[in-house]
């Protein structure tokens, strides 16, 4: 590996058609690194394949749904537990 590289003749991503397309598709998204349990990842991959979408898209949809739903308060939790115990 060189200590220095000459980028004087390099093109900007917006001037390379396939890179410009990738950048346009990624607008509003940020690349991150996340560690997930293997079994959880396998579950998302299987479900995504069955739905015909990408597993990262499915993870994003799931997180968006959870973030949009209000947190469960104590009264709601108690009501649900009573209903479940009564049904069981």
C-alpha atoms as a PDB file:
ATOM      1  CA  UNK A   1       0.000   0.000   0.000  1.00  0.00           C
ATOM      2  CA  UNK A   2       1.329   3.400  -0.908  1.00  0.00           C
ATOM      3  CA  UNK A   3       1.858   6.127   1.613  1.00  0.00           C
ATOM      4  CA  UNK A   4       0.409   8.704  -0.785  1.00  0.00           C
ATOM      5  CA  UNK A   5      -2.048   8.483  -3.655  1.00  0.00           C
ATOM      6  CA  UNK A   6      -2.605  10.913  -6.532  1.00  0.00           C
ATOM      7  CA  UNK A   7      -6.284  11.819  -6.759  1.00  0.00           C
ATOM      8  CA  UNK A   8      -5.778  14.759  -9.132  1.00  0.00           C
ATOM      9  CA  UNK A   9      -7.475  12.877 -12.016  1.00  0.00           C
ATOM     10  CA  UNK A  10     -10.214  11.316  -9.906  1.00  0.00           C
ATOM     11  CA  UNK A  11     -13.871  11.958 -10.753  1.00  0.00           C
ATOM     12  CA  UNK A  12     -16.483  12.983  -8.226  1.00  0.00           C
ATOM     13  CA  UNK A  13     -19.173  10.389  -7.535  1.00  0.00           C
ATOM     14  CA  UNK A  14     -21.851  12.630  -9.089  1.00  0.00           C
ATOM     15  CA  UNK A  15     -19.923  12.484 -12.410  1.00  0.00           C
ATOM     16  CA  UNK A  16     -19.929   8.657 -12.534  1.00  0.00           C
ATOM     17  CA  UNK A  17     -23.445   7.488 -13.541  1.00  0.00           C
ATOM     18  CA  UNK A  18     -23.715   4.326 -11.429  1.00  0.00           C
ATOM     19  CA  UNK A  19     -22.265   6.071  -8.358  1.00  0.00           C
ATOM     20  CA  UNK A  20     -24.592   9.032  -8.829  1.00  0.00           C
ATOM     21  CA  UNK A  21     -27.542   6.606  -8.986  1.00  0.00           C
ATOM     22  CA  UNK A  22     -26.435   4.905  -5.762  1.00  0.00           C
ATOM     23  CA  UNK A  23     -26.092   8.245  -4.019  1.00  0.00           C
ATOM     24  CA  UNK A  24     -29.570   9.305  -5.157  1.00  0.00           C
ATOM     25  CA  UNK A  25     -31.090   6.053  -3.873  1.00  0.00           C
ATOM     26  CA  UNK A  26     -29.386   6.447  -0.491  1.00  0.00           C
ATOM     27  CA  UNK A  27     -30.642   9.988   0.183  1.00  0.00           C
ATOM     28  CA  UNK A  28     -32.109  10.251   3.642  1.00  0.00           C
ATOM     29  CA  UNK A  29     -30.298   7.162   4.866  1.00  0.00           C
ATOM     30  CA  UNK A  30     -27.069   6.674   6.784  1.00  0.00           C
ATOM     31  CA  UNK A  31     -24.783   3.674   6.612  1.00  0.00           C
ATOM     32  CA  UNK A  32     -24.102   2.235  10.067  1.00  0.00           C
ATOM     33  CA  UNK A  33     -22.567  -0.874  11.555  1.00  0.00           C
ATOM     34  CA  UNK A  34     -24.765  -2.824  13.958  1.00  0.00           C
ATOM     35  CA  UNK A  35     -24.248  -6.128  15.740  1.00  0.00           C
ATOM     36  CA  UNK A  36     -27.313  -8.409  15.765  1.00  0.00           C
ATOM     37  CA  UNK A  37     -27.769 -11.895  17.170  1.00  0.00           C
ATOM     38  CA  UNK A  38     -27.384 -14.532  14.448  1.00  0.00           C
ATOM     39  CA  UNK A  39     -30.787 -16.095  15.118  1.00  0.00           C
ATOM     40  CA  UNK A  40     -32.476 -12.703  14.878  1.00  0.00           C
ATOM     41  CA  UNK A  41     -30.723 -11.931  11.605  1.00  0.00           C
ATOM     42  CA  UNK A  42     -31.693 -15.338  10.184  1.00  0.00           C
ATOM     43  CA  UNK A  43     -35.323 -14.669  11.164  1.00  0.00           C
ATOM     44  CA  UNK A  44     -35.354 -11.303   9.396  1.00  0.00           C
ATOM     45  CA  UNK A  45     -33.670 -12.742   6.306  1.00  0.00           C
ATOM     46  CA  UNK A  46     -36.185 -15.594   6.069  1.00  0.00           C
ATOM     47  CA  UNK A  47     -39.176 -13.306   6.590  1.00  0.00           C
ATOM     48  CA  UNK A  48     -37.832 -10.766   4.091  1.00  0.00           C
ATOM     49  CA  UNK A  49     -37.279 -13.470   1.480  1.00  0.00           C
ATOM     50  CA  UNK A  50     -40.827 -14.718   1.973  1.00  0.00           C
ATOM     51  CA  UNK A  51     -42.142 -11.153   1.505  1.00  0.00           C
ATOM     52  CA  UNK A  52     -39.876 -10.494  -1.474  1.00  0.00           C
ATOM     53  CA  UNK A  53     -38.034  -7.553   0.075  1.00  0.00           C
ATOM     54  CA  UNK A  54     -34.533  -6.988   1.426  1.00  0.00           C
ATOM     55  CA  UNK A  55     -33.847  -7.919   5.021  1.00  0.00           C
ATOM     56  CA  UNK A  56     -32.390  -4.486   5.774  1.00  0.00           C
ATOM     57  CA  UNK A  57     -35.588  -2.915   4.462  1.00  0.00           C
ATOM     58  CA  UNK A  58     -37.598  -5.197   6.751  1.00  0.00           C
ATOM     59  CA  UNK A  59     -35.441  -4.288   9.765  1.00  0.00           C
ATOM     60  CA  UNK A  60     -35.901  -0.584   8.903  1.00  0.00           C
ATOM     61  CA  UNK A  61     -39.702  -1.011   8.613  1.00  0.00           C
ATOM     62  CA  UNK A  62     -39.819  -2.865  11.931  1.00  0.00           C
ATOM     63  CA  UNK A  63     -37.775  -0.219  13.734  1.00  0.00           C
ATOM     64  CA  UNK A  64     -39.904   2.543  12.204  1.00  0.00           C
ATOM     65  CA  UNK A  65     -43.082   0.823  13.429  1.00  0.00           C
ATOM     66  CA  UNK A  66     -41.762   0.391  16.948  1.00  0.00           C
ATOM     67  CA  UNK A  67     -40.483   3.968  17.094  1.00  0.00           C
ATOM     68  CA  UNK A  68     -43.863   5.313  15.937  1.00  0.00           C
ATOM     69  CA  UNK A  69     -45.925   3.362  18.472  1.00  0.00           C
ATOM     70  CA  UNK A  70     -46.412   4.879  21.903  1.00  0.00           C
ATOM     71  CA  UNK A  71     -44.692   3.164  24.822  1.00  0.00           C
ATOM     72  CA  UNK A  72     -46.799   0.799  26.916  1.00  0.00           C
ATOM     73  CA  UNK A  73     -47.747   2.439  30.190  1.00  0.00           C
ATOM     74  CA  UNK A  74     -48.339   0.608  33.449  1.00  0.00           C
ATOM     75  CA  UNK A  75     -52.141   0.711  33.250  1.00  0.00           C
ATOM     76  CA  UNK A  76     -52.160  -0.787  29.742  1.00  0.00           C
ATOM     77  CA  UNK A  77     -49.720  -3.497  30.747  1.00  0.00           C
ATOM     78  CA  UNK A  78     -51.811  -4.430  33.792  1.00  0.00           C
ATOM     79  CA  UNK A  79     -54.986  -4.595  31.645  1.00  0.00           C
ATOM     80  CA  UNK A  80     -53.316  -6.847  29.077  1.00  0.00           C
ATOM     81  CA  UNK A  81     -51.908  -9.133  31.768  1.00  0.00           C
ATOM     82  CA  UNK A  82     -55.335  -9.440  33.420  1.00  0.00           C
ATOM     83  CA  UNK A  83     -56.928 -10.312  30.069  1.00  0.00           C
ATOM     84  CA  UNK A  84     -54.259 -12.916  29.288  1.00  0.00           C
ATOM     85  CA  UNK A  85     -54.422 -14.505  32.743  1.00  0.00           C
ATOM     86  CA  UNK A  86     -58.222 -14.644  32.581  1.00  0.00           C
ATOM     87  CA  UNK A  87     -58.125 -16.246  29.104  1.00  0.00           C
ATOM     88  CA  UNK A  88     -55.515 -18.829  30.137  1.00  0.00           C
END
